Amino acid sequence: MQQRQLGSAQVSALGLGCMSLSHGYGHCDPTQAEQLLRDALDAGYSFFDTASIYGFGANECLVGKMLKPVRDDIFLASKCGLDGDSSGKRSIDGSPENLTAMCERSLQRLQTEAIDLYYLHRKDPDTPIEESVEALASLKAQGKIRAIGLSEVSSDTIRRAHAVHPITAVQSEYSLWSRGAERDVLTTCHELGITFVPFSPVGRGMLTGKLTSLNQIGDGDFRNGMPRFQPEAFQHNLAVIQRFCDFSQQRGYSPAQLALAWMLNRDETLIPIPGTTSTMHVKENIAAANIRLSRDDLSAIEACIHPSMIQGERYTPAGMQEIDSEN
């Protein structure tokens, strides 16, 4: 696979978001999850993204177990500051004490001496961002992490954090149907030399063209509670996305491939991390890195689908309150 620069490292142009293997989208058989990680390695992925809250530690355990034999050959990212338990109760705590404790647990679960990129998963409204970043800088000085990242943050938060210690990467949702980062976050990242890592680059499955009915979303899938996946909004959004799917098929690509290629061709500093539980999708997504699009192609894609055409917020009102990126 093609490579892109992430801090001082070269990583695969597409990373693998590992959340869906343990969390968020319903049950994934552990044997299937293990095989998918093997297949991703074989396919050329070298950048793997997990977090403490994914499966409440289970995802880090899975990733640590499966990737330990190739640890020196991969780039491993995880996240702290957002925690939860199996009851679904979540808590945001960016205090230095908590970030230090969470890092120790992550290191144990990941079976590694250092995490290549460690994100603050959510900005804590009760802890100044400067204090959280100082704690992460201390972990870096101790050799427990190698680079600092932020997730779902605003341009102002990025600048304040970067003034304390250089930020290597910022992660947020970004796709054809979620483009809030274009308001100012992407500009700030370019200015400061920070890599932007889009998660959910295929719209939580909607931009694949394979999700056509809410009946395909099972119990335990957090999309059941998301505004964009409520019946009225879903049907409206499905009609919008169908135009994009028709266009992609006319061009000879799958919708997921074209959605990823749109992103990769717009900005060579972006490193999307699509998640999946399907080996077929792992291989399908890789092909997007080889698609070349002209400016006219990009304009035609954006004419098919734009966030202004979409109904529903990214998260519930409570979820929107958790994120700083919309400020």
C-alpha atoms as a PDB file:
ATOM      1  CA  MET A   1       0.000   0.000   0.000  1.00  0.00           C
ATOM      2  CA  GLN A   2       1.078   3.602  -0.535  1.00  0.00           C
ATOM      3  CA  GLN A   3       2.607   5.351   2.464  1.00  0.00           C
ATOM      4  CA  ARG A   4       1.920   8.695   4.112  1.00  0.00           C
ATOM      5  CA  GLN A   5       3.774  10.700   6.726  1.00  0.00           C
ATOM      6  CA  LEU A   6       2.476  10.680  10.304  1.00  0.00           C
ATOM      7  CA  GLY A   7       4.821  12.654  12.514  1.00  0.00           C
ATOM      8  CA  SER A   8       8.234  11.095  12.062  1.00  0.00           C
ATOM      9  CA  ALA A   9       6.779   7.779  10.850  1.00  0.00           C
ATOM     10  CA  GLN A  10       5.745   6.434   7.470  1.00  0.00           C
ATOM     11  CA  VAL A  11       2.450   4.541   7.678  1.00  0.00           C
ATOM     12  CA  SER A  12      -0.001   2.968   5.243  1.00  0.00           C
ATOM     13  CA  ALA A  13      -2.147   5.555   3.435  1.00  0.00           C
ATOM     14  CA  LEU A  14      -5.188   3.922   5.020  1.00  0.00           C
ATOM     15  CA  GLY A  15      -5.191   2.887   8.649  1.00  0.00           C
ATOM     16  CA  LEU A  16      -7.517   0.345  10.226  1.00  0.00           C
ATOM     17  CA  GLY A  17     -10.021   1.632  12.758  1.00  0.00           C
ATOM     18  CA  CYS A  18     -10.354  -1.304  15.130  1.00  0.00           C
ATOM     19  CA  MET A  19     -13.394  -0.184  17.148  1.00  0.00           C
ATOM     20  CA  SER A  20     -15.960  -2.273  15.257  1.00  0.00           C
ATOM     21  CA  LEU A  21     -14.111  -5.454  16.185  1.00  0.00           C
ATOM     22  CA  SER A  22     -15.205  -5.035  19.803  1.00  0.00           C
ATOM     23  CA  HIS A  23     -17.542  -2.091  20.173  1.00  0.00           C
ATOM     24  CA  GLY A  24     -20.280   0.074  18.760  1.00  0.00           C
ATOM     25  CA  TYR A  25     -21.676  -1.918  15.859  1.00  0.00           C
ATOM     26  CA  GLY A  26     -22.991  -4.989  17.614  1.00  0.00           C
ATOM     27  CA  HIS A  27     -21.302  -8.315  18.257  1.00  0.00           C
ATOM     28  CA  CYS A  28     -18.232  -9.391  16.323  1.00  0.00           C
ATOM     29  CA  ASP A  29     -17.064 -12.965  16.797  1.00  0.00           C
ATOM     30  CA  PRO A  30     -13.583 -12.923  18.402  1.00  0.00           C
ATOM     31  CA  THR A  31     -12.251 -15.501  15.952  1.00  0.00           C
ATOM     32  CA  GLN A  32     -13.482 -13.358  13.059  1.00  0.00           C
ATOM     33  CA  ALA A  33     -11.879 -10.275  14.630  1.00  0.00           C
ATOM     34  CA  GLU A  34      -8.536 -12.024  15.009  1.00  0.00           C
ATOM     35  CA  GLN A  35      -8.625 -13.209  11.404  1.00  0.00           C
ATOM     36  CA  LEU A  36      -9.462  -9.735  10.152  1.00  0.00           C
ATOM     37  CA  LEU A  37      -6.390  -8.282  11.856  1.00  0.00           C
ATOM     38  CA  ARG A  38      -4.233 -10.971  10.239  1.00  0.00           C
ATOM     39  CA  ASP A  39      -5.776 -10.222   6.868  1.00  0.00           C
ATOM     40  CA  ALA A  40      -5.222  -6.488   7.301  1.00  0.00           C
ATOM     41  CA  LEU A  41      -1.549  -7.084   8.000  1.00  0.00           C
ATOM     42  CA  ASP A  42      -1.253  -9.322   4.958  1.00  0.00           C
ATOM     43  CA  ALA A  43      -2.987  -6.683   2.839  1.00  0.00           C
ATOM     44  CA  GLY A  44      -0.453  -4.020   3.777  1.00  0.00           C
ATOM     45  CA  TYR A  45      -1.991  -2.068   6.652  1.00  0.00           C
ATOM     46  CA  SER A  46       0.618  -0.801   9.096  1.00  0.00           C
ATOM     47  CA  PHE A  47      -1.436   1.775  11.052  1.00  0.00           C
ATOM     48  CA  PHE A  48      -3.873   0.423  13.648  1.00  0.00           C
ATOM     49  CA  ASP A  49      -6.159   2.570  15.790  1.00  0.00           C
ATOM     50  CA  THR A  50      -7.791   1.490  19.049  1.00  0.00           C
ATOM     51  CA  ALA A  51      -8.886   3.098  22.342  1.00  0.00           C
ATOM     52  CA  SER A  52      -9.353   2.248  25.978  1.00  0.00           C
ATOM     53  CA  ILE A  53     -13.131   2.596  25.778  1.00  0.00           C
ATOM     54  CA  TYR A  54     -13.571   0.254  22.786  1.00  0.00           C
ATOM     55  CA  GLY A  55     -15.043  -2.835  24.364  1.00  0.00           C
ATOM     56  CA  PHE A  56     -14.007  -1.339  27.710  1.00  0.00           C
ATOM     57  CA  GLY A  57     -10.481  -2.665  27.302  1.00  0.00           C
ATOM     58  CA  ALA A  58     -11.333  -5.690  25.159  1.00  0.00           C
ATOM     59  CA  ASN A  59     -10.280  -4.049  21.902  1.00  0.00           C
ATOM     60  CA  GLU A  60      -6.848  -3.128  23.236  1.00  0.00           C
ATOM     61  CA  CYS A  61      -6.438  -6.705  24.502  1.00  0.00           C
ATOM     62  CA  LEU A  62      -7.386  -8.067  21.074  1.00  0.00           C
ATOM     63  CA  VAL A  63      -5.085  -5.693  19.202  1.00  0.00           C
ATOM     64  CA  GLY A  64      -2.240  -6.278  21.649  1.00  0.00           C
ATOM     65  CA  LYS A  65      -2.496 -10.045  21.377  1.00  0.00           C
ATOM     66  CA  MET A  66      -2.703 -10.172  17.588  1.00  0.00           C
ATOM     67  CA  LEU A  67      -0.147  -7.496  16.746  1.00  0.00           C
ATOM     68  CA  LYS A  68       2.511  -8.289  19.348  1.00  0.00           C
ATOM     69  CA  PRO A  69       4.466 -10.575  16.950  1.00  0.00           C
ATOM     70  CA  VAL A  70       4.796  -7.699  14.452  1.00  0.00           C
ATOM     71  CA  ARG A  71       4.963  -4.827  16.934  1.00  0.00           C
ATOM     72  CA  ASP A  72       8.156  -3.343  15.478  1.00  0.00           C
ATOM     73  CA  ASP A  73       6.618  -3.249  11.997  1.00  0.00           C
ATOM     74  CA  ILE A  74       3.398  -1.391  12.770  1.00  0.00           C
ATOM     75  CA  PHE A  75       2.260   2.013  14.027  1.00  0.00           C
ATOM     76  CA  LEU A  76      -0.084   1.696  16.995  1.00  0.00           C
ATOM     77  CA  ALA A  77      -2.478   4.398  18.200  1.00  0.00           C
ATOM     78  CA  SER A  78      -4.742   4.382  21.234  1.00  0.00           C
ATOM     79  CA  LYS A  79      -6.721   6.922  23.250  1.00  0.00           C
ATOM     80  CA  CYS A  80      -7.330   8.026  26.819  1.00  0.00           C
ATOM     81  CA  GLY A  81      -9.540  10.397  28.778  1.00  0.00           C
ATOM     82  CA  LEU A  82     -12.836   8.706  27.840  1.00  0.00           C
ATOM     83  CA  ASP A  83     -13.748   5.651  29.850  1.00  0.00           C
ATOM     84  CA  GLY A  84     -16.775   3.501  30.509  1.00  0.00           C
ATOM     85  CA  ASP A  85     -18.066   0.180  31.708  1.00  0.00           C
ATOM     86  CA  SER A  86     -20.207  -2.630  30.352  1.00  0.00           C
ATOM     87  CA  SER A  87     -23.370  -0.929  31.616  1.00  0.00           C
ATOM     88  CA  GLY A  88     -22.789   1.804  29.052  1.00  0.00           C
ATOM     89  CA  LYS A  89     -21.928   4.514  31.565  1.00  0.00           C
ATOM     90  CA  ARG A  90     -19.298   6.840  30.115  1.00  0.00           C
ATOM     91  CA  SER A  91     -17.039   9.365  31.820  1.00  0.00           C
ATOM     92  CA  ILE A  92     -14.664  12.027  30.519  1.00  0.00           C
ATOM     93  CA  ASP A  93     -11.646  12.680  32.724  1.00  0.00           C
ATOM     94  CA  GLY A  94      -8.611  14.457  31.320  1.00  0.00           C
ATOM     95  CA  SER A  95      -6.911  14.991  34.662  1.00  0.00           C
ATOM     96  CA  PRO A  96      -3.191  14.167  34.753  1.00  0.00           C
ATOM     97  CA  GLU A  97      -3.759  11.444  37.334  1.00  0.00           C
ATOM     98  CA  ASN A  98      -6.359   9.678  35.241  1.00  0.00           C
ATOM     99  CA  LEU A  99      -4.437   9.937  31.966  1.00  0.00           C
ATOM    100  CA  THR A 100      -1.362   8.463  33.641  1.00  0.00           C
ATOM    101  CA  ALA A 101      -3.366   5.578  35.103  1.00  0.00           C
ATOM    102  CA  MET A 102      -5.157   4.901  31.814  1.00  0.00           C
ATOM    103  CA  CYS A 103      -1.854   4.796  29.943  1.00  0.00           C
ATOM    104  CA  GLU A 104      -0.499   2.164  32.295  1.00  0.00           C
ATOM    105  CA  ARG A 105      -3.565  -0.015  31.736  1.00  0.00           C
ATOM    106  CA  SER A 106      -3.367   0.462  27.974  1.00  0.00           C
ATOM    107  CA  LEU A 107       0.298  -0.509  27.884  1.00  0.00           C
ATOM    108  CA  GLN A 108      -0.515  -3.724  29.710  1.00  0.00           C
ATOM    109  CA  ARG A 109      -3.445  -4.590  27.469  1.00  0.00           C
ATOM    110  CA  LEU A 110      -1.536  -3.734  24.293  1.00  0.00           C
ATOM    111  CA  GLN A 111       1.476  -5.753  25.484  1.00  0.00           C
ATOM    112  CA  THR A 112       3.878  -3.019  24.424  1.00  0.00           C
ATOM    113  CA  GLU A 113       6.476  -0.799  26.045  1.00  0.00           C
ATOM    114  CA  ALA A 114       5.334   2.329  24.202  1.00  0.00           C
ATOM    115  CA  ILE A 115       2.276   3.514  22.268  1.00  0.00           C
ATOM    116  CA  ASP A 116       3.244   5.243  19.020  1.00  0.00           C
ATOM    117  CA  LEU A 117       0.414   7.779  19.101  1.00  0.00           C
ATOM    118  CA  TYR A 118      -1.695   8.479  22.173  1.00  0.00           C
ATOM    119  CA  TYR A 119      -4.778  10.653  21.757  1.00  0.00           C
ATOM    120  CA  LEU A 120      -6.800  12.536  24.307  1.00  0.00           C
ATOM    121  CA  HIS A 121     -10.107  10.970  23.257  1.00  0.00           C
ATOM    122  CA  ARG A 122     -12.288  13.830  24.474  1.00  0.00           C
ATOM    123  CA  LYS A 123     -11.509  17.261  25.875  1.00  0.00           C
ATOM    124  CA  ASP A 124     -12.462  17.356  29.538  1.00  0.00           C
ATOM    125  CA  PRO A 125     -14.526  20.489  30.265  1.00  0.00           C
ATOM    126  CA  ASP A 126     -13.333  20.390  33.872  1.00  0.00           C
ATOM    127  CA  THR A 127      -9.603  20.136  33.110  1.00  0.00           C
ATOM    128  CA  PRO A 128      -7.735  22.815  31.132  1.00  0.00           C
ATOM    129  CA  ILE A 129      -6.392  21.341  27.910  1.00  0.00           C
ATOM    130  CA  GLU A 130      -2.957  22.598  28.910  1.00  0.00           C
ATOM    131  CA  GLU A 131      -2.956  20.323  31.968  1.00  0.00           C
ATOM    132  CA  SER A 132      -4.018  17.293  29.954  1.00  0.00           C
ATOM    133  CA  VAL A 133      -1.310  17.901  27.347  1.00  0.00           C
ATOM    134  CA  GLU A 134       1.324  18.446  30.035  1.00  0.00           C
ATOM    135  CA  ALA A 135       0.431  15.006  31.410  1.00  0.00           C
ATOM    136  CA  LEU A 136       0.752  13.450  27.953  1.00  0.00           C
ATOM    137  CA  ALA A 137       4.071  15.253  27.457  1.00  0.00           C
ATOM    138  CA  SER A 138       5.280  13.706  30.717  1.00  0.00           C
ATOM    139  CA  LEU A 139       4.295  10.243  29.460  1.00  0.00           C
ATOM    140  CA  LYS A 140       6.238  10.943  26.274  1.00  0.00           C
ATOM    141  CA  ALA A 141       9.300  12.064  28.254  1.00  0.00           C
ATOM    142  CA  GLN A 142       9.118   8.778  30.160  1.00  0.00           C
ATOM    143  CA  GLY A 143       9.100   6.833  26.868  1.00  0.00           C
ATOM    144  CA  LYS A 144       5.605   5.423  27.399  1.00  0.00           C
ATOM    145  CA  ILE A 145       4.160   7.170  24.364  1.00  0.00           C
ATOM    146  CA  ARG A 146       5.938   8.483  21.269  1.00  0.00           C
ATOM    147  CA  ALA A 147       3.543  11.162  20.011  1.00  0.00           C
ATOM    148  CA  ILE A 148       0.529  13.119  21.252  1.00  0.00           C
ATOM    149  CA  GLY A 149      -2.829  13.356  19.518  1.00  0.00           C
ATOM    150  CA  LEU A 150      -6.208  14.975  20.131  1.00  0.00           C
ATOM    151  CA  SER A 151      -9.649  13.716  19.143  1.00  0.00           C
ATOM    152  CA  GLU A 152     -12.819  15.694  18.371  1.00  0.00           C
ATOM    153  CA  VAL A 153     -11.365  19.103  19.232  1.00  0.00           C
ATOM    154  CA  SER A 154     -11.831  22.640  17.948  1.00  0.00           C
ATOM    155  CA  SER A 155      -9.244  24.829  16.284  1.00  0.00           C
ATOM    156  CA  ASP A 156      -8.852  26.896  19.452  1.00  0.00           C
ATOM    157  CA  THR A 157      -8.194  23.783  21.540  1.00  0.00           C
ATOM    158  CA  ILE A 158      -5.624  22.566  19.014  1.00  0.00           C
ATOM    159  CA  ARG A 159      -3.728  25.864  19.196  1.00  0.00           C
ATOM    160  CA  ARG A 160      -3.751  25.937  22.982  1.00  0.00           C
ATOM    161  CA  ALA A 161      -2.570  22.331  23.169  1.00  0.00           C
ATOM    162  CA  HIS A 162       0.123  22.798  20.522  1.00  0.00           C
ATOM    163  CA  ALA A 163       1.544  25.735  22.476  1.00  0.00           C
ATOM    164  CA  VAL A 164       2.257  23.359  25.370  1.00  0.00           C
ATOM    165  CA  HIS A 165       3.707  20.498  23.309  1.00  0.00           C
ATOM    166  CA  PRO A 166       3.681  19.756  19.556  1.00  0.00           C
ATOM    167  CA  ILE A 167       0.584  17.799  18.575  1.00  0.00           C
ATOM    168  CA  THR A 168       1.276  15.106  15.988  1.00  0.00           C
ATOM    169  CA  ALA A 169      -2.261  14.185  14.926  1.00  0.00           C
ATOM    170  CA  VAL A 170      -5.866  15.280  15.295  1.00  0.00           C
ATOM    171  CA  GLN A 171      -8.659  12.777  14.777  1.00  0.00           C
ATOM    172  CA  SER A 172     -12.295  13.553  14.063  1.00  0.00           C
ATOM    173  CA  GLU A 173     -15.196  12.314  11.987  1.00  0.00           C
ATOM    174  CA  TYR A 174     -14.798  13.420   8.385  1.00  0.00           C
ATOM    175  CA  SER A 175     -16.434  12.158   5.205  1.00  0.00           C
ATOM    176  CA  LEU A 176     -18.587  13.295   2.329  1.00  0.00           C
ATOM    177  CA  TRP A 177     -21.543  13.604   4.712  1.00  0.00           C
ATOM    178  CA  SER A 178     -19.635  14.988   7.758  1.00  0.00           C
ATOM    179  CA  ARG A 179     -17.376  17.900   6.849  1.00  0.00           C
ATOM    180  CA  GLY A 180     -17.288  20.070   9.953  1.00  0.00           C
ATOM    181  CA  ALA A 181     -13.490  19.862   9.975  1.00  0.00           C
ATOM    182  CA  GLU A 182     -13.425  22.029   6.864  1.00  0.00           C
ATOM    183  CA  ARG A 183     -14.630  25.058   8.824  1.00  0.00           C
ATOM    184  CA  ASP A 184     -11.216  25.681  10.377  1.00  0.00           C
ATOM    185  CA  VAL A 185      -9.718  22.511  11.910  1.00  0.00           C
ATOM    186  CA  LEU A 186      -8.104  21.317   8.678  1.00  0.00           C
ATOM    187  CA  THR A 187      -6.627  24.773   8.052  1.00  0.00           C
ATOM    188  CA  THR A 188      -5.204  24.845  11.568  1.00  0.00           C
ATOM    189  CA  CYS A 189      -3.698  21.378  11.170  1.00  0.00           C
ATOM    190  CA  HIS A 190      -2.051  22.386   7.886  1.00  0.00           C
ATOM    191  CA  GLU A 191      -0.664  25.558   9.438  1.00  0.00           C
ATOM    192  CA  LEU A 192       0.817  23.728  12.426  1.00  0.00           C
ATOM    193  CA  GLY A 193       2.036  20.654  10.534  1.00  0.00           C
ATOM    194  CA  ILE A 194      -0.421  18.296  12.239  1.00  0.00           C
ATOM    195  CA  THR A 195      -1.712  15.184  10.473  1.00  0.00           C
ATOM    196  CA  PHE A 196      -5.496  14.908  10.317  1.00  0.00           C
ATOM    197  CA  VAL A 197      -6.873  11.382  10.778  1.00  0.00           C
ATOM    198  CA  PRO A 198     -10.514  11.041   9.646  1.00  0.00           C
ATOM    199  CA  PHE A 199     -12.578   8.364  11.339  1.00  0.00           C
ATOM    200  CA  SER A 200     -15.831   7.022   9.878  1.00  0.00           C
ATOM    201  CA  PRO A 201     -14.712   8.074   6.373  1.00  0.00           C
ATOM    202  CA  VAL A 202     -17.474   5.968   4.804  1.00  0.00           C
ATOM    203  CA  GLY A 203     -20.213   7.492   6.944  1.00  0.00           C
ATOM    204  CA  ARG A 204     -20.694   4.654   9.435  1.00  0.00           C
ATOM    205  CA  GLY A 205     -21.507   2.362   6.529  1.00  0.00           C
ATOM    206  CA  MET A 206     -23.932   4.655   4.708  1.00  0.00           C
ATOM    207  CA  LEU A 207     -21.430   5.639   1.999  1.00  0.00           C
ATOM    208  CA  THR A 208     -20.795   2.005   1.083  1.00  0.00           C
ATOM    209  CA  GLY A 209     -24.153   1.620  -0.650  1.00  0.00           C
ATOM    210  CA  LYS A 210     -24.638  -1.640   1.240  1.00  0.00           C
ATOM    211  CA  LEU A 211     -26.749  -0.282   4.071  1.00  0.00           C
ATOM    212  CA  THR A 212     -30.213   0.155   2.564  1.00  0.00           C
ATOM    213  CA  SER A 213     -32.541  -0.750   5.440  1.00  0.00           C
ATOM    214  CA  LEU A 214     -32.637  -0.084   9.165  1.00  0.00           C
ATOM    215  CA  ASN A 215     -33.377  -3.802   9.541  1.00  0.00           C
ATOM    216  CA  GLN A 216     -29.696  -4.375   8.748  1.00  0.00           C
ATOM    217  CA  ILE A 217     -28.745  -2.605  11.977  1.00  0.00           C
ATOM    218  CA  GLY A 218     -28.939  -5.112  14.805  1.00  0.00           C
ATOM    219  CA  ASP A 219     -29.383  -4.889  18.552  1.00  0.00           C
ATOM    220  CA  GLY A 220     -26.433  -3.384  20.387  1.00  0.00           C
ATOM    221  CA  ASP A 221     -25.484  -1.184  17.429  1.00  0.00           C
ATOM    222  CA  PHE A 222     -25.057   2.419  18.546  1.00  0.00           C
ATOM    223  CA  ARG A 223     -26.368   3.709  15.220  1.00  0.00           C
ATOM    224  CA  ASN A 224     -29.830   2.815  16.514  1.00  0.00           C
ATOM    225  CA  GLY A 225     -29.700   5.944  18.659  1.00  0.00           C
ATOM    226  CA  MET A 226     -28.055   8.290  16.166  1.00  0.00           C
ATOM    227  CA  PRO A 227     -30.235  11.024  14.634  1.00  0.00           C
ATOM    228  CA  ARG A 228     -29.122  10.266  11.071  1.00  0.00           C
ATOM    229  CA  PHE A 229     -30.322   6.698  11.447  1.00  0.00           C
ATOM    230  CA  GLN A 230     -33.809   7.456  12.695  1.00  0.00           C
ATOM    231  CA  PRO A 231     -36.484   6.285  10.207  1.00  0.00           C
ATOM    232  CA  GLU A 232     -37.433   9.599   8.574  1.00  0.00           C
ATOM    233  CA  ALA A 233     -33.873  10.925   8.395  1.00  0.00           C
ATOM    234  CA  PHE A 234     -32.552   7.563   7.228  1.00  0.00           C
ATOM    235  CA  GLN A 235     -34.919   7.396   4.271  1.00  0.00           C
ATOM    236  CA  HIS A 236     -34.096  10.962   3.266  1.00  0.00           C
ATOM    237  CA  ASN A 237     -30.353  10.344   3.562  1.00  0.00           C
ATOM    238  CA  LEU A 238     -30.597   7.071   1.689  1.00  0.00           C
ATOM    239  CA  ALA A 239     -32.068   8.868  -1.329  1.00  0.00           C
ATOM    240  CA  VAL A 240     -29.254  11.440  -1.275  1.00  0.00           C
ATOM    241  CA  ILE A 241     -26.571   8.785  -1.002  1.00  0.00           C
ATOM    242  CA  GLN A 242     -28.100   6.725  -3.799  1.00  0.00           C
ATOM    243  CA  ARG A 243     -27.147   9.462  -6.253  1.00  0.00           C
ATOM    244  CA  PHE A 244     -23.544   9.132  -5.107  1.00  0.00           C
ATOM    245  CA  CYS A 245     -23.722   5.336  -5.345  1.00  0.00           C
ATOM    246  CA  ASP A 246     -25.048   5.548  -8.899  1.00  0.00           C
ATOM    247  CA  PHE A 247     -22.224   7.909  -9.843  1.00  0.00           C
ATOM    248  CA  SER A 248     -19.555   5.651  -8.338  1.00  0.00           C
ATOM    249  CA  GLN A 249     -20.871   2.632 -10.185  1.00  0.00           C
ATOM    250  CA  GLN A 250     -20.829   4.586 -13.451  1.00  0.00           C
ATOM    251  CA  ARG A 251     -17.148   5.248 -12.801  1.00  0.00           C
ATOM    252  CA  GLY A 252     -16.461   1.574 -12.127  1.00  0.00           C
ATOM    253  CA  TYR A 253     -15.741   1.859  -8.409  1.00  0.00           C
ATOM    254  CA  SER A 254     -17.588   0.793  -5.312  1.00  0.00           C
ATOM    255  CA  PRO A 255     -19.115   3.694  -3.332  1.00  0.00           C
ATOM    256  CA  ALA A 256     -16.729   3.025  -0.431  1.00  0.00           C
ATOM    257  CA  GLN A 257     -13.723   3.157  -2.743  1.00  0.00           C
ATOM    258  CA  LEU A 258     -14.831   6.441  -4.272  1.00  0.00           C
ATOM    259  CA  ALA A 259     -15.623   7.973  -0.856  1.00  0.00           C
ATOM    260  CA  LEU A 260     -12.097   7.112   0.316  1.00  0.00           C
ATOM    261  CA  ALA A 261     -10.489   8.160  -2.949  1.00  0.00           C
ATOM    262  CA  TRP A 262     -12.256  11.538  -2.729  1.00  0.00           C
ATOM    263  CA  MET A 263     -10.571  12.108   0.617  1.00  0.00           C
ATOM    264  CA  LEU A 264      -7.145  10.791  -0.364  1.00  0.00           C
ATOM    265  CA  ASN A 265      -7.070  12.890  -3.538  1.00  0.00           C
ATOM    266  CA  ARG A 266      -8.263  16.094  -1.881  1.00  0.00           C
ATOM    267  CA  ASP A 267      -5.446  16.214   0.661  1.00  0.00           C
ATOM    268  CA  GLU A 268      -2.277  14.129   0.746  1.00  0.00           C
ATOM    269  CA  THR A 269      -1.837  14.795   4.477  1.00  0.00           C
ATOM    270  CA  LEU A 270      -5.036  12.952   5.452  1.00  0.00           C
ATOM    271  CA  ILE A 271      -4.861   9.353   6.673  1.00  0.00           C
ATOM    272  CA  PRO A 272      -8.379   7.864   6.907  1.00  0.00           C
ATOM    273  CA  ILE A 273      -9.015   4.927   9.235  1.00  0.00           C
ATOM    274  CA  PRO A 274     -12.094   3.059   7.983  1.00  0.00           C
ATOM    275  CA  GLY A 275     -13.272   0.268  10.229  1.00  0.00           C
ATOM    276  CA  THR A 276     -14.830  -3.018   9.196  1.00  0.00           C
ATOM    277  CA  THR A 277     -15.408  -6.594  10.291  1.00  0.00           C
ATOM    278  CA  SER A 278     -15.115  -7.896   6.718  1.00  0.00           C
ATOM    279  CA  THR A 279     -11.906  -9.031   5.046  1.00  0.00           C
ATOM    280  CA  MET A 280     -13.549  -8.316   1.698  1.00  0.00           C
ATOM    281  CA  HIS A 281     -13.971  -4.685   2.732  1.00  0.00           C
ATOM    282  CA  VAL A 282     -10.367  -4.510   3.959  1.00  0.00           C
ATOM    283  CA  LYS A 283      -9.181  -5.438   0.476  1.00  0.00           C
ATOM    284  CA  GLU A 284     -11.793  -3.289  -1.266  1.00  0.00           C
ATOM    285  CA  ASN A 285     -10.741  -0.210   0.708  1.00  0.00           C
ATOM    286  CA  ILE A 286      -7.059  -0.656  -0.121  1.00  0.00           C
ATOM    287  CA  ALA A 287      -7.805  -0.258  -3.819  1.00  0.00           C
ATOM    288  CA  ALA A 288      -8.999   3.301  -3.120  1.00  0.00           C
ATOM    289  CA  ALA A 289      -5.398   4.381  -2.547  1.00  0.00           C
ATOM    290  CA  ASN A 290      -4.648   3.730  -6.223  1.00  0.00           C
ATOM    291  CA  ILE A 291      -7.566   5.732  -7.634  1.00  0.00           C
ATOM    292  CA  ARG A 292      -6.603   9.044  -9.211  1.00  0.00           C
ATOM    293  CA  LEU A 293      -9.250  11.762  -9.425  1.00  0.00           C
ATOM    294  CA  SER A 294      -9.168  15.096 -11.243  1.00  0.00           C
ATOM    295  CA  ARG A 295     -10.533  18.343  -9.839  1.00  0.00           C
ATOM    296  CA  ASP A 296     -13.559  17.871 -12.064  1.00  0.00           C
ATOM    297  CA  ASP A 297     -14.050  14.409 -10.573  1.00  0.00           C
ATOM    298  CA  LEU A 298     -13.908  15.818  -7.055  1.00  0.00           C
ATOM    299  CA  SER A 299     -16.421  18.524  -7.939  1.00  0.00           C
ATOM    300  CA  ALA A 300     -18.768  15.972  -9.492  1.00  0.00           C
ATOM    301  CA  ILE A 301     -18.611  13.808  -6.365  1.00  0.00           C
ATOM    302  CA  GLU A 302     -19.327  16.784  -4.117  1.00  0.00           C
ATOM    303  CA  ALA A 303     -22.303  17.717  -6.299  1.00  0.00           C
ATOM    304  CA  CYS A 304     -23.789  14.293  -5.548  1.00  0.00           C
ATOM    305  CA  ILE A 305     -23.566  14.571  -1.779  1.00  0.00           C
ATOM    306  CA  HIS A 306     -22.868  17.351   0.702  1.00  0.00           C
ATOM    307  CA  PRO A 307     -23.681  17.679   4.434  1.00  0.00           C
ATOM    308  CA  SER A 308     -26.233  20.383   3.609  1.00  0.00           C
ATOM    309  CA  MET A 309     -28.293  17.646   1.944  1.00  0.00           C
ATOM    310  CA  ILE A 310     -28.200  15.365   4.996  1.00  0.00           C
ATOM    311  CA  GLN A 311     -30.760  15.208   7.805  1.00  0.00           C
ATOM    312  CA  GLY A 312     -29.733  14.629  11.406  1.00  0.00           C
ATOM    313  CA  GLU A 313     -26.788  15.484  13.625  1.00  0.00           C
ATOM    314  CA  ARG A 314     -23.765  13.228  13.985  1.00  0.00           C
ATOM    315  CA  TYR A 315     -24.635  12.331  17.592  1.00  0.00           C
ATOM    316  CA  THR A 316     -27.523  12.652  20.033  1.00  0.00           C
ATOM    317  CA  PRO A 317     -27.723  15.949  21.956  1.00  0.00           C
ATOM    318  CA  ALA A 318     -25.812  14.343  24.831  1.00  0.00           C
ATOM    319  CA  GLY A 319     -23.162  13.077  22.437  1.00  0.00           C
ATOM    320  CA  MET A 320     -22.818  16.477  20.804  1.00  0.00           C
ATOM    321  CA  GLN A 321     -22.164  17.992  24.219  1.00  0.00           C
ATOM    322  CA  GLU A 322     -19.224  15.613  24.701  1.00  0.00           C
ATOM    323  CA  ILE A 323     -17.315  16.841  21.664  1.00  0.00           C
ATOM    324  CA  ASP A 324     -15.363  20.066  21.280  1.00  0.00           C
ATOM    325  CA  SER A 325     -14.918  19.814  17.505  1.00  0.00           C
ATOM    326  CA  GLU A 326     -18.239  21.485  16.690  1.00  0.00           C
ATOM    327  CA  ASN A 327     -17.277  24.647  18.610  1.00  0.00           C
END
